[in-house]
Amino acid sequence: MAEKRIIRQKQGFEDLAVNALEGLAGADEVHALEELLKESEKERKRYLGFAAFECALEDALKGDASTGAIVCRSDESSSPRREANRKTGGLWPARSVQAFMVTMALVVVLVVVFNRGLGPKQGDSGSGTAPLPKGFAVVASQTDVDWETSAVSSGDVLPRGIHYIESGVVHLELYSGVQLVVEGEAEFSIESPLVVTLNKGAVRAYVPDVAHGFRVVTKAGKIIDYGTEFSVRVSGDTTDFTVLDGEVGLLQDERPEIRFTRGDSLRVRSALGKPEVLKNPIRVMSSSTASLEAQQSLSIQEARWETSLQEWLRDPRLVACYRGPSEKQSRVLENLADGGVTATQAAVVGATACVNRWGQEGRAFDYTRFGSRSRVALPETMDDISFVCWLKINSLNNLFNSIFLTDGHEEGEPHWQILRDGRIFFSVKHPHRKGTSWQQMVFYSPPIWRDEMSGDWNMLAVTYDRKAGKVAHYFNGKQISLELIPDHARVSRINISAASIANWAEPNPLYRTDEEFTCRNLNGSVDEVFIFDGVLGVSEIATMYSQSSGGE
């Protein structure tokens, strides 16, 4: 902290801000500016003004470069450095990418601080205030991770706050570009795109050029990167670290920074302790090794699911199982069910082959393209019905987003889809009975989808128990709603006939015909679809999810 005060005394706010915006700031300058922005609302506003001016001037220079027009001439906002940059043909120097990344990191700091200052006061509803950033890193992969805090799936943004893993390996990609591997048992938090606090455990950081200045904060001090890779292990008050490549600095309170280079391994026993030479380097797997191990673990889980799947395919209740293209026809999904009542193949229309939830290329289909669908038919009727589907949603941009819809909507036909607000919609068309409403009975789940889930694979299921008069929705193996079927909404049999996966083929002209109502293709991908002539129990759906989820 003392060193930051010295830097701020030597360099005024304007010099720090300009250096950061132009990519000329060193790590110490960036840290000093970051602390200043946290402390002063006045300087935060000034920094945003500088950033806006830089962007506007750059846009103007680009727009008028071909005409040679003079864009701006202002003594108040001009400086020798800016004049030199104009002479070289642009406002941003050769290090413009680094300047952009530093600026983005500082803007994140501004967003966090502004939101803290603008948060609802006690008693306020909080409506209308901007939310805090959800996090600063994406979970790239994980292997055998036991989350003590809330579990996070691969591909998700790691939520803000302290995280604790009892075991396993997590590979994180920070917004700054840093690749961070965390090995359990560990306790850590991502404070910003350039700052990680490590209270316990081991990490390995690969830091690209645009993120130099990234630091790991421990009880013993701050380990600052100057390029490009290092490992840190924390146990109690003791911090061990190894410089794998490039250079790092150790900054402790009231002490000048000490630099270390490739091959150096040190131990610091406390915030006041001097670095000691460590005989054995800190060994933490690299991000590439972590990714490889995660894929190998996923392959093992896939093999286990293939074995379990064979049991499900022999279930006499199974009517249809669609997964991946046929070996004979790339635009056909074979029905793998062995049951007595079976559906047809699924004919793929418009959809594009994509990676499935196991990372296998070309083994699932993306239905985002307008008009995409897979066509199926089931000539026989059923007593009860259960649907299970593994899907990946990109966005819910339509009013209705199809999972499985029969053509039209005749008596006894099921419709299964997701609404724009994230609720799951399920209905079976019932006849109008005298003395009851003409309105069809629809069974809704609570909202199950949020924008940050975009790109995640999830398992949805629904069961329609005609005899017991119940409809249940499931999300990732857990029952999320159970509703009784009113007597007037019961049907004698369930009929599928012709239907579409991920779209709606023939809207009934008696209904609305506008595009918002009729356009129902799923903006996302489908991996597997199961249809059962019968009701799967709560434990059966939980078991199927456990077997087929990849262990996350």
Protein backbone atom coordinates (compact mmCIF):
# COMPACT_ATOMS: atom_id res chain seq x y z
CA MET A 1 0.00 0.00 0.00
CA ALA A 2 2.87 2.37 0.82
CA GLU A 3 4.40 1.75 -2.59
CA LYS A 4 1.10 2.63 -4.29
CA ARG A 5 0.97 5.90 -2.37
CA ILE A 6 4.51 6.72 -3.54
CA ILE A 7 3.55 6.02 -7.16
CA ARG A 8 0.44 8.18 -6.85
CA GLN A 9 2.48 11.02 -5.35
CA LYS A 10 5.06 10.87 -8.14
CA GLN A 11 2.48 10.60 -10.91
CA GLY A 12 -0.78 12.51 -10.92
CA PHE A 13 -4.12 10.91 -11.73
CA GLU A 14 -4.06 12.16 -15.33
CA ASP A 15 -0.66 10.57 -16.03
CA LEU A 16 -1.79 7.25 -14.56
CA ALA A 17 -5.04 7.27 -16.54
CA VAL A 18 -3.40 8.25 -19.84
CA ASN A 19 -0.67 5.62 -19.45
CA ALA A 20 -3.30 2.93 -18.79
CA LEU A 21 -5.44 3.97 -21.76
CA GLU A 22 -2.44 4.03 -24.10
CA GLY A 23 -0.94 0.73 -22.93
CA LEU A 24 2.14 2.34 -21.38
CA ALA A 25 1.32 1.67 -17.72
CA GLY A 26 3.41 -0.75 -15.73
CA ALA A 27 1.83 -3.22 -13.33
CA ASP A 28 2.50 -0.94 -10.33
CA GLU A 29 0.84 1.98 -12.11
CA VAL A 30 -2.22 -0.13 -12.99
CA HIS A 31 -2.57 -1.27 -9.38
CA ALA A 32 -2.18 2.27 -8.07
CA LEU A 33 -4.82 3.54 -10.51
CA GLU A 34 -7.16 0.69 -9.57
CA GLU A 35 -6.93 1.59 -5.87
CA LEU A 36 -7.47 5.26 -6.65
CA LEU A 37 -10.59 4.45 -8.68
CA LYS A 38 -11.96 2.40 -5.80
CA GLU A 39 -11.43 5.27 -3.36
CA SER A 40 -12.62 8.33 -5.31
CA GLU A 41 -15.93 8.80 -7.09
CA LYS A 42 -14.57 12.02 -8.63
CA GLU A 43 -11.63 10.18 -10.21
CA ARG A 44 -13.89 7.36 -11.42
CA LYS A 45 -15.96 9.86 -13.35
CA ARG A 46 -12.81 11.54 -14.71
CA TYR A 47 -11.44 8.19 -15.87
CA LEU A 48 -14.65 7.32 -17.69
CA GLY A 49 -14.50 10.72 -19.35
CA PHE A 50 -10.92 10.11 -20.51
CA ALA A 51 -11.86 6.67 -21.84
CA ALA A 52 -14.84 8.05 -23.74
CA PHE A 53 -12.68 10.83 -25.23
CA GLU A 54 -10.02 8.33 -26.36
CA CYS A 55 -12.62 6.09 -28.03
CA ALA A 56 -14.36 9.00 -29.75
CA LEU A 57 -11.09 10.45 -31.03
CA GLU A 58 -9.92 7.06 -32.30
CA ASP A 59 -13.22 6.57 -34.16
CA ALA A 60 -12.90 10.03 -35.68
CA LEU A 61 -9.31 9.38 -36.79
CA LYS A 62 -10.34 6.12 -38.43
CA GLY A 63 -13.30 7.75 -40.14
CA ASP A 64 -11.34 10.71 -41.55
CA ALA A 65 -7.99 9.06 -42.29
CA SER A 66 -8.82 8.66 -45.98
CA THR A 67 -9.64 12.36 -46.40
CA GLY A 68 -6.75 13.71 -44.37
CA ALA A 69 -9.13 15.96 -42.47
CA ILE A 70 -8.02 17.52 -39.21
CA VAL A 71 -10.13 15.82 -36.55
CA CYS A 72 -9.35 17.59 -33.31
CA ARG A 73 -7.11 20.36 -32.03
CA SER A 74 -7.46 21.17 -28.36
CA ASP A 75 -4.68 22.57 -26.19
CA GLU A 76 -6.48 21.50 -23.02
CA SER A 77 -6.70 17.80 -23.89
CA SER A 78 -3.48 17.55 -25.87
CA SER A 79 -0.18 16.20 -24.57
CA PRO A 80 3.26 15.50 -26.10
CA ARG A 81 2.50 11.76 -25.94
CA ARG A 82 -0.76 12.18 -27.83
CA GLU A 83 0.96 14.37 -30.42
CA ALA A 84 3.61 11.68 -30.92
CA ASN A 85 0.94 9.07 -31.37
CA ARG A 86 -0.86 11.16 -33.98
CA LYS A 87 2.40 11.40 -35.91
CA THR A 88 2.65 7.61 -35.97
CA GLY A 89 -0.77 7.38 -37.57
CA GLY A 90 -3.15 6.67 -34.68
CA LEU A 91 -4.08 7.38 -31.11
CA TRP A 92 -3.34 3.87 -29.87
CA PRO A 93 0.30 2.74 -30.02
CA ALA A 94 1.54 -0.71 -30.97
CA ARG A 95 0.49 -1.98 -27.55
CA SER A 96 -3.18 -1.19 -28.25
CA VAL A 97 -4.36 -4.70 -27.41
CA GLN A 98 -2.71 -4.49 -24.00
CA ALA A 99 -4.22 -1.05 -23.51
CA PHE A 100 -7.66 -2.43 -24.35
CA MET A 101 -7.34 -5.29 -21.85
CA VAL A 102 -6.09 -3.00 -19.07
CA THR A 103 -8.93 -0.57 -19.82
CA MET A 104 -11.51 -3.37 -19.69
CA ALA A 105 -10.16 -4.60 -16.36
CA LEU A 106 -10.35 -1.09 -14.91
CA VAL A 107 -13.85 -0.63 -16.31
CA VAL A 108 -14.89 -3.80 -14.44
CA VAL A 109 -13.52 -2.19 -11.27
CA LEU A 110 -15.58 0.91 -12.03
CA VAL A 111 -18.74 -1.13 -12.57
CA VAL A 112 -18.27 -2.97 -9.29
CA VAL A 113 -17.59 0.21 -7.30
CA PHE A 114 -20.38 2.22 -8.93
CA ASN A 115 -22.87 -0.56 -8.22
CA ARG A 116 -21.76 -0.77 -4.60
CA GLY A 117 -22.28 2.95 -4.25
CA LEU A 118 -25.63 2.86 -6.01
CA GLY A 119 -26.95 -0.23 -4.22
CA PRO A 120 -30.38 -0.03 -2.57
CA LYS A 121 -30.48 1.52 0.86
CA GLN A 122 -32.10 -0.32 3.72
CA GLY A 123 -35.80 -0.56 3.05
CA ASP A 124 -35.47 0.12 -0.68
CA SER A 125 -36.82 -2.43 -3.11
CA GLY A 126 -33.71 -2.18 -5.23
CA SER A 127 -35.66 -2.01 -8.48
CA GLY A 128 -33.96 -0.19 -11.29
CA THR A 129 -30.41 -0.61 -10.00
CA ALA A 130 -27.84 -2.37 -12.17
CA PRO A 131 -26.73 -5.77 -10.84
CA LEU A 132 -23.15 -6.50 -9.82
CA PRO A 133 -21.07 -8.50 -12.30
CA LYS A 134 -21.86 -12.17 -11.79
CA GLY A 135 -18.18 -13.08 -11.89
CA PHE A 136 -14.85 -12.59 -13.61
CA ALA A 137 -14.01 -16.11 -14.86
CA VAL A 138 -15.48 -19.00 -16.84
CA VAL A 139 -15.14 -22.62 -15.71
CA ALA A 140 -13.33 -24.12 -18.72
CA SER A 141 -13.22 -27.66 -17.33
CA GLN A 142 -13.15 -29.63 -14.10
CA THR A 143 -12.19 -33.14 -13.04
CA ASP A 144 -13.50 -34.99 -9.96
CA VAL A 145 -14.31 -31.72 -8.20
CA ASP A 146 -16.10 -31.88 -4.87
CA TRP A 147 -17.57 -28.40 -4.35
CA GLU A 148 -18.09 -27.51 -0.70
CA THR A 149 -19.72 -24.29 -1.87
CA SER A 150 -22.42 -24.36 -4.59
CA ALA A 151 -21.41 -26.61 -7.49
CA VAL A 152 -20.63 -24.90 -10.80
CA SER A 153 -20.88 -26.62 -14.18
CA SER A 154 -18.23 -26.41 -16.88
CA GLY A 155 -18.98 -23.50 -19.19
CA ASP A 156 -20.60 -21.45 -16.43
CA VAL A 157 -19.40 -18.12 -15.10
CA LEU A 158 -17.86 -18.68 -11.67
CA PRO A 159 -20.00 -16.65 -9.25
CA ARG A 160 -18.46 -13.91 -7.15
CA GLY A 161 -17.38 -14.76 -3.62
CA ILE A 162 -15.24 -17.33 -1.84
CA HIS A 163 -15.16 -20.85 -3.27
CA TYR A 164 -14.05 -24.00 -1.51
CA ILE A 165 -13.31 -27.34 -3.20
CA GLU A 166 -12.45 -30.40 -1.13
CA SER A 167 -10.77 -32.21 -4.02
CA GLY A 168 -10.33 -32.25 -7.78
CA VAL A 169 -9.00 -29.83 -10.37
CA VAL A 170 -10.72 -26.74 -11.83
CA HIS A 171 -9.49 -24.92 -14.93
CA LEU A 172 -10.65 -21.29 -15.02
CA GLU A 173 -10.39 -18.74 -17.83
CA LEU A 174 -10.37 -15.22 -16.40
CA TYR A 175 -11.82 -12.36 -18.42
CA SER A 176 -8.32 -10.86 -18.64
CA GLY A 177 -7.11 -13.93 -20.55
CA VAL A 178 -5.33 -15.59 -17.61
CA GLN A 179 -5.53 -19.41 -17.54
CA LEU A 180 -5.79 -20.51 -13.90
CA VAL A 181 -5.71 -24.10 -12.64
CA VAL A 182 -6.87 -24.68 -9.05
CA GLU A 183 -6.10 -27.97 -7.28
CA GLY A 184 -8.12 -29.03 -4.26
CA GLU A 185 -8.25 -28.90 -1.34
CA ALA A 186 -8.47 -25.14 -1.96
CA GLU A 187 -10.19 -21.94 -0.86
CA PHE A 188 -10.05 -19.00 -3.26
CA SER A 189 -11.92 -16.06 -4.75
CA ILE A 190 -11.65 -14.17 -8.05
CA GLU A 191 -11.64 -10.52 -7.00
CA SER A 192 -11.31 -9.07 -10.50
CA PRO A 193 -10.00 -10.15 -13.93
CA LEU A 194 -6.49 -9.35 -12.63
CA VAL A 195 -6.66 -10.37 -8.96
CA VAL A 196 -7.12 -13.76 -7.26
CA THR A 197 -7.08 -14.30 -3.51
CA LEU A 198 -5.79 -17.71 -2.42
CA ASN A 199 -6.43 -18.68 1.21
CA LYS A 200 -5.61 -22.36 0.87
CA GLY A 201 -4.46 -24.84 -1.76
CA ALA A 202 -2.47 -24.58 -4.99
CA VAL A 203 -2.89 -22.72 -8.29
CA ARG A 204 -0.98 -22.41 -11.53
CA ALA A 205 -1.37 -19.30 -13.67
CA TYR A 206 -0.48 -18.80 -17.30
CA VAL A 207 -0.53 -15.07 -17.99
CA PRO A 208 -0.59 -13.79 -21.60
CA ASP A 209 1.06 -10.51 -22.52
CA VAL A 210 -2.22 -8.58 -22.37
CA ALA A 211 -2.69 -9.53 -18.69
CA HIS A 212 0.75 -8.73 -17.26
CA GLY A 213 0.27 -7.37 -13.76
CA PHE A 214 -2.05 -10.21 -12.77
CA ARG A 215 -1.52 -11.05 -9.11
CA VAL A 216 -2.27 -13.75 -6.57
CA VAL A 217 -2.89 -12.36 -3.09
CA THR A 218 -2.09 -14.48 -0.02
CA LYS A 219 -1.59 -13.79 3.69
CA ALA A 220 2.15 -13.57 3.08
CA GLY A 221 1.98 -10.98 0.29
CA LYS A 222 1.14 -10.33 -3.34
CA ILE A 223 2.73 -12.33 -6.16
CA ILE A 224 2.69 -10.15 -9.27
CA ASP A 225 3.22 -11.52 -12.77
CA TYR A 226 5.48 -9.87 -15.32
CA GLY A 227 5.24 -12.84 -17.72
CA THR A 228 4.35 -15.62 -18.13
CA GLU A 229 3.73 -18.61 -15.80
CA PHE A 230 4.01 -19.42 -12.10
CA SER A 231 2.61 -21.72 -9.39
CA VAL A 232 1.55 -20.87 -5.84
CA ARG A 233 0.72 -23.05 -2.84
CA VAL A 234 -0.75 -21.74 0.42
CA SER A 235 -0.91 -23.54 3.75
CA GLY A 236 -1.87 -21.41 6.73
CA ASP A 237 0.31 -18.28 6.81
CA THR A 238 2.96 -19.86 4.57
CA THR A 239 3.12 -19.19 0.84
CA ASP A 240 5.34 -21.16 -1.56
CA PHE A 241 5.76 -20.19 -5.20
CA THR A 242 7.73 -21.24 -8.27
CA VAL A 243 8.49 -19.14 -11.35
CA LEU A 244 7.93 -21.53 -14.27
CA ASP A 245 8.64 -19.00 -16.99
CA GLY A 246 9.37 -15.28 -17.21
CA GLU A 247 9.41 -13.08 -14.12
CA VAL A 248 7.29 -12.42 -11.03
CA GLY A 249 7.48 -9.94 -8.18
CA LEU A 250 6.81 -10.42 -4.46
CA LEU A 251 5.27 -7.40 -2.75
CA GLN A 252 4.87 -7.36 1.04
CA ASP A 253 3.65 -4.58 3.31
CA GLU A 254 6.29 -1.96 4.08
CA ARG A 255 8.88 -3.78 1.94
CA PRO A 256 10.16 -2.98 -1.56
CA GLU A 257 9.14 -5.39 -4.29
CA ILE A 258 11.56 -8.28 -5.01
CA ARG A 259 11.76 -9.80 -8.48
CA PHE A 260 12.33 -13.49 -9.26
CA THR A 261 12.93 -15.24 -12.56
CA ARG A 262 12.47 -18.62 -14.21
CA GLY A 263 13.44 -21.57 -12.02
CA ASP A 264 13.26 -19.70 -8.72
CA SER A 265 11.26 -21.38 -5.93
CA LEU A 266 10.64 -19.49 -2.69
CA ARG A 267 8.88 -19.87 0.65
CA VAL A 268 7.47 -16.94 2.63
CA ARG A 269 6.31 -17.87 6.13
CA SER A 270 4.36 -14.71 6.97
CA ALA A 271 3.56 -11.19 5.82
CA LEU A 272 6.75 -10.02 7.57
CA GLY A 273 8.90 -13.03 6.72
CA LYS A 274 11.79 -12.91 4.28
CA PRO A 275 11.75 -15.23 1.25
CA GLU A 276 13.60 -18.52 1.73
CA VAL A 277 14.89 -20.75 -1.03
CA LEU A 278 12.61 -23.76 -1.59
CA LYS A 279 14.38 -26.95 -2.63
CA ASN A 280 11.46 -28.56 -4.47
CA PRO A 281 9.40 -26.57 -6.98
CA ILE A 282 5.62 -26.28 -6.65
CA ARG A 283 4.02 -28.74 -9.05
CA VAL A 284 0.52 -28.00 -10.33
CA MET A 285 -0.79 -29.35 -13.62
CA SER A 286 -0.90 -26.98 -16.60
CA SER A 287 -4.14 -25.75 -18.16
CA SER A 288 -3.59 -27.97 -21.22
CA THR A 289 -3.11 -31.03 -19.00
CA ALA A 290 -6.18 -30.09 -16.96
CA SER A 291 -8.27 -29.85 -20.15
CA LEU A 292 -6.96 -33.20 -21.36
CA GLU A 293 -7.74 -34.90 -18.05
CA ALA A 294 -11.23 -33.40 -18.04
CA GLN A 295 -11.90 -34.81 -21.52
CA GLN A 296 -10.55 -38.21 -20.49
CA SER A 297 -12.80 -38.18 -17.43
CA LEU A 298 -15.74 -37.25 -19.65
CA SER A 299 -14.92 -40.15 -21.99
CA ILE A 300 -14.98 -42.55 -19.03
CA GLN A 301 -18.37 -41.18 -17.98
CA GLU A 302 -19.63 -41.56 -21.56
CA ALA A 303 -18.54 -45.21 -21.64
CA ARG A 304 -20.40 -45.84 -18.38
CA TRP A 305 -23.51 -44.20 -19.82
CA GLU A 306 -23.30 -46.39 -22.93
CA THR A 307 -23.47 -49.44 -20.66
CA SER A 308 -26.39 -48.05 -18.64
CA LEU A 309 -28.18 -47.00 -21.82
CA GLN A 310 -28.44 -50.60 -22.97
CA GLU A 311 -30.60 -51.34 -19.92
CA TRP A 312 -32.86 -48.40 -20.71
CA LEU A 313 -33.21 -49.52 -24.34
CA ARG A 314 -34.55 -52.87 -23.12
CA ASP A 315 -37.17 -51.20 -20.91
CA PRO A 316 -40.57 -52.46 -22.24
CA ARG A 317 -42.08 -49.00 -21.68
CA LEU A 318 -39.62 -47.31 -24.06
CA VAL A 319 -41.28 -46.22 -27.31
CA ALA A 320 -38.48 -44.14 -28.83
CA CYS A 321 -34.85 -43.20 -28.25
CA TYR A 322 -33.23 -40.75 -30.67
CA ARG A 323 -29.53 -39.91 -30.42
CA GLY A 324 -26.96 -38.96 -33.03
CA PRO A 325 -27.11 -39.55 -36.79
CA SER A 326 -27.56 -43.02 -38.27
CA GLU A 327 -24.45 -44.85 -39.51
CA LYS A 328 -26.22 -45.34 -42.85
CA GLN A 329 -27.89 -41.93 -43.21
CA SER A 330 -26.39 -38.73 -41.78
CA ARG A 331 -29.81 -37.00 -41.87
CA VAL A 332 -31.68 -39.73 -40.00
CA LEU A 333 -31.92 -40.49 -36.28
CA GLU A 334 -32.56 -44.18 -35.78
CA ASN A 335 -35.10 -45.21 -33.15
CA LEU A 336 -33.02 -47.38 -30.83
CA ALA A 337 -35.91 -48.62 -28.66
CA ASP A 338 -36.46 -52.38 -28.35
CA GLY A 339 -40.00 -52.14 -26.96
CA GLY A 340 -43.13 -53.60 -28.54
CA VAL A 341 -44.72 -50.22 -29.30
CA THR A 342 -42.26 -48.21 -31.36
CA ALA A 343 -42.06 -44.93 -33.25
CA THR A 344 -40.51 -44.27 -36.64
CA GLN A 345 -37.05 -42.97 -37.40
CA ALA A 346 -36.55 -39.21 -37.08
CA ALA A 347 -35.90 -37.38 -40.34
CA VAL A 348 -33.59 -34.37 -39.81
CA VAL A 349 -34.63 -31.20 -41.67
CA GLY A 350 -32.45 -28.08 -41.78
CA ALA A 351 -30.53 -28.80 -38.56
CA THR A 352 -26.73 -28.87 -38.52
CA ALA A 353 -24.57 -31.55 -36.88
CA CYS A 354 -22.77 -30.32 -33.76
CA VAL A 355 -20.80 -31.46 -30.71
CA ASN A 356 -22.78 -33.52 -28.20
CA ARG A 357 -22.59 -33.19 -24.44
CA TRP A 358 -19.63 -35.58 -24.34
CA GLY A 359 -17.56 -33.40 -26.67
CA GLN A 360 -18.03 -35.74 -29.66
CA GLU A 361 -18.17 -33.85 -32.96
CA GLY A 362 -21.19 -34.45 -35.21
CA ARG A 363 -23.14 -36.55 -32.68
CA ALA A 364 -25.93 -34.06 -31.90
CA PHE A 365 -27.97 -31.57 -33.93
CA ASP A 366 -28.32 -27.80 -33.67
CA TYR A 367 -31.83 -26.53 -34.50
CA THR A 368 -31.13 -22.80 -34.40
CA ARG A 369 -31.52 -22.31 -38.15
CA PHE A 370 -35.06 -21.18 -39.03
CA GLY A 371 -37.25 -24.13 -40.02
CA SER A 372 -34.97 -26.77 -38.49
CA ARG A 373 -36.61 -29.86 -37.00
CA SER A 374 -36.61 -33.64 -36.82
CA ARG A 375 -39.80 -35.38 -37.99
CA VAL A 376 -41.20 -38.46 -36.26
CA ALA A 377 -44.44 -40.45 -36.17
CA LEU A 378 -46.04 -42.86 -33.71
CA PRO A 379 -49.09 -44.67 -35.12
CA GLU A 380 -50.27 -46.25 -31.85
CA THR A 381 -51.86 -44.66 -28.79
CA MET A 382 -50.59 -44.81 -25.20
CA ASP A 383 -52.06 -44.94 -21.70
CA ASP A 384 -49.50 -42.63 -20.06
CA ILE A 385 -46.41 -40.84 -21.31
CA SER A 386 -42.97 -39.72 -20.11
CA PHE A 387 -40.52 -37.56 -22.08
CA VAL A 388 -36.81 -37.12 -21.34
CA CYS A 389 -34.55 -34.81 -23.37
CA TRP A 390 -30.92 -33.70 -23.17
CA LEU A 391 -30.69 -30.22 -24.73
CA LYS A 392 -28.55 -27.11 -24.86
CA ILE A 393 -30.30 -23.74 -25.10
CA ASN A 394 -28.56 -20.75 -26.63
CA SER A 395 -31.43 -18.34 -26.03
CA LEU A 396 -35.20 -18.36 -25.66
CA ASN A 397 -35.85 -15.81 -28.38
CA ASN A 398 -39.28 -17.13 -29.40
CA LEU A 399 -42.54 -16.82 -27.49
CA PHE A 400 -42.69 -20.65 -27.58
CA ASN A 401 -39.57 -22.80 -28.03
CA SER A 402 -40.35 -26.37 -29.03
CA ILE A 403 -38.95 -29.50 -27.46
CA PHE A 404 -41.55 -31.92 -28.84
CA LEU A 405 -44.78 -30.82 -30.54
CA THR A 406 -47.37 -32.85 -32.41
CA ASP A 407 -48.64 -31.45 -35.69
CA GLY A 408 -51.57 -29.17 -34.96
CA HIS A 409 -53.00 -29.98 -31.53
CA GLU A 410 -55.77 -32.55 -31.70
CA GLU A 411 -57.46 -34.36 -28.82
CA GLY A 412 -55.04 -36.51 -26.84
CA GLU A 413 -51.92 -34.95 -28.41
CA PRO A 414 -49.09 -33.65 -26.17
CA HIS A 415 -47.19 -30.37 -26.53
CA TRP A 416 -43.87 -29.90 -24.70
CA GLN A 417 -42.06 -26.58 -25.05
CA ILE A 418 -40.28 -23.78 -23.17
CA LEU A 419 -41.68 -20.28 -22.87
CA ARG A 420 -39.65 -17.14 -23.34
CA ASP A 421 -39.74 -16.52 -19.58
CA GLY A 422 -38.04 -19.87 -18.87
CA ARG A 423 -41.08 -21.88 -17.75
CA ILE A 424 -41.68 -25.33 -19.22
CA PHE A 425 -45.08 -25.74 -20.86
CA PHE A 426 -46.78 -29.15 -21.10
CA SER A 427 -50.32 -29.95 -22.19
CA VAL A 428 -52.38 -32.80 -23.59
CA LYS A 429 -55.34 -31.58 -25.65
CA HIS A 430 -58.59 -32.54 -23.93
CA PRO A 431 -62.16 -32.32 -25.22
CA HIS A 432 -64.46 -29.53 -24.11
CA ARG A 433 -66.94 -30.81 -21.58
CA LYS A 434 -70.25 -29.15 -20.88
CA GLY A 435 -70.12 -26.67 -18.04
CA THR A 436 -66.31 -26.24 -18.17
CA SER A 437 -64.07 -23.57 -19.65
CA TRP A 438 -63.08 -23.77 -23.31
CA GLN A 439 -59.54 -22.95 -22.26
CA GLN A 440 -57.10 -25.86 -22.43
CA MET A 441 -55.34 -27.01 -19.27
CA VAL A 442 -51.61 -26.25 -19.35
CA PHE A 443 -49.13 -27.50 -16.75
CA TYR A 444 -46.28 -25.04 -16.17
CA SER A 445 -43.03 -25.54 -14.31
CA PRO A 446 -41.30 -22.75 -12.39
CA PRO A 447 -38.74 -20.86 -14.55
CA ILE A 448 -35.73 -23.11 -15.07
CA TRP A 449 -33.56 -21.06 -17.43
CA ARG A 450 -31.41 -17.95 -16.96
CA ASP A 451 -29.31 -16.13 -19.54
CA GLU A 452 -26.05 -17.24 -17.93
CA MET A 453 -27.05 -20.88 -18.64
CA SER A 454 -26.69 -20.28 -22.38
CA GLY A 455 -24.66 -23.11 -23.91
CA ASP A 456 -25.11 -25.50 -20.95
CA TRP A 457 -26.38 -29.05 -21.44
CA ASN A 458 -29.39 -29.86 -19.23
CA MET A 459 -31.78 -32.78 -18.89
CA LEU A 460 -35.50 -32.01 -18.92
CA ALA A 461 -38.25 -34.54 -18.23
CA VAL A 462 -42.02 -34.55 -17.87
CA THR A 463 -44.44 -37.32 -16.87
CA TYR A 464 -48.18 -37.46 -17.58
CA ASP A 465 -49.88 -40.01 -15.32
CA ARG A 466 -53.37 -40.30 -16.77
CA LYS A 467 -54.62 -42.86 -14.25
CA ALA A 468 -53.33 -41.09 -11.12
CA GLY A 469 -54.19 -37.68 -12.59
CA LYS A 470 -50.77 -36.05 -12.11
CA VAL A 471 -48.22 -34.15 -14.21
CA ALA A 472 -44.63 -33.71 -12.98
CA HIS A 473 -41.79 -31.59 -14.39
CA TYR A 474 -38.11 -32.43 -13.81
CA PHE A 475 -34.89 -30.46 -14.28
CA ASN A 476 -31.52 -32.24 -14.13
CA GLY A 477 -32.98 -35.23 -12.33
CA LYS A 478 -34.96 -33.32 -9.69
CA GLN A 479 -38.72 -32.92 -9.58
CA ILE A 480 -39.53 -29.20 -9.72
CA SER A 481 -43.34 -29.31 -9.88
CA LEU A 482 -46.23 -31.73 -9.41
CA GLU A 483 -49.79 -30.81 -10.36
CA LEU A 484 -53.12 -32.62 -10.36
CA ILE A 485 -55.05 -33.07 -13.60
CA PRO A 486 -58.61 -31.78 -13.18
CA ASP A 487 -61.30 -34.32 -14.01
CA HIS A 488 -62.53 -32.30 -16.98
CA ALA A 489 -58.99 -32.21 -18.49
CA ARG A 490 -58.40 -35.96 -18.54
CA VAL A 491 -58.20 -37.84 -21.83
CA SER A 492 -59.01 -41.47 -22.63
CA ARG A 493 -55.78 -42.11 -24.58
CA ILE A 494 -52.61 -40.26 -25.60
CA ASN A 495 -51.93 -39.93 -29.30
CA ILE A 496 -48.75 -38.62 -30.95
CA SER A 497 -49.21 -39.48 -34.63
CA ALA A 498 -46.92 -37.07 -36.58
CA ALA A 499 -44.71 -34.69 -34.59
CA SER A 500 -41.54 -32.57 -34.62
CA ILE A 501 -38.55 -32.36 -32.32
CA ALA A 502 -37.49 -28.72 -31.80
CA ASN A 503 -40.19 -27.14 -33.99
CA TRP A 504 -43.89 -27.08 -34.91
CA ALA A 505 -44.90 -28.38 -38.30
CA GLU A 506 -48.55 -27.53 -38.92
CA PRO A 507 -50.11 -24.80 -36.80
CA ASN A 508 -53.88 -25.16 -36.60
CA PRO A 509 -55.45 -22.38 -38.71
CA LEU A 510 -58.08 -21.97 -35.98
CA TYR A 511 -55.32 -20.55 -33.77
CA ARG A 512 -53.17 -17.48 -34.37
CA THR A 513 -51.20 -17.52 -37.61
CA ASP A 514 -48.75 -14.68 -36.91
CA GLU A 515 -45.02 -15.51 -36.91
CA GLU A 516 -44.54 -14.85 -33.19
CA PHE A 517 -47.04 -17.64 -32.43
CA THR A 518 -46.10 -20.11 -35.17
CA CYS A 519 -42.28 -19.79 -35.11
CA ARG A 520 -41.19 -22.29 -32.47
CA ASN A 521 -37.82 -23.68 -33.53
CA LEU A 522 -35.48 -24.22 -30.60
CA ASN A 523 -32.47 -21.92 -30.59
CA GLY A 524 -30.16 -24.64 -29.37
CA SER A 525 -29.13 -28.28 -29.72
CA VAL A 526 -30.64 -31.66 -28.86
CA ASP A 527 -28.52 -34.68 -27.94
CA GLU A 528 -30.97 -37.39 -26.83
CA VAL A 529 -34.77 -37.80 -26.71
CA PHE A 530 -36.62 -40.61 -24.90
CA ILE A 531 -40.37 -41.35 -25.08
CA PHE A 532 -41.93 -43.88 -22.68
CA ASP A 533 -45.41 -45.42 -22.74
CA GLY A 534 -45.65 -45.24 -18.97
CA VAL A 535 -44.74 -43.08 -16.00
CA LEU A 536 -41.12 -42.88 -14.88
CA GLY A 537 -40.82 -42.53 -11.12
CA VAL A 538 -38.91 -39.84 -9.26
CA SER A 539 -36.05 -42.23 -8.45
CA GLU A 540 -35.88 -43.51 -12.05
CA ILE A 541 -35.44 -40.01 -13.47
CA ALA A 542 -32.84 -39.20 -10.82
CA THR A 543 -30.98 -42.39 -11.75
CA MET A 544 -31.09 -41.62 -15.47
CA TYR A 545 -29.68 -38.14 -14.83
CA SER A 546 -26.89 -39.49 -12.63
CA GLN A 547 -25.95 -42.08 -15.26
CA SER A 548 -26.13 -39.73 -18.24
CA SER A 549 -24.87 -36.40 -16.90
CA GLY A 550 -21.12 -36.81 -17.11
CA GLY A 551 -20.71 -36.54 -13.38
CA GLU A 552 -20.97 -32.71 -13.07
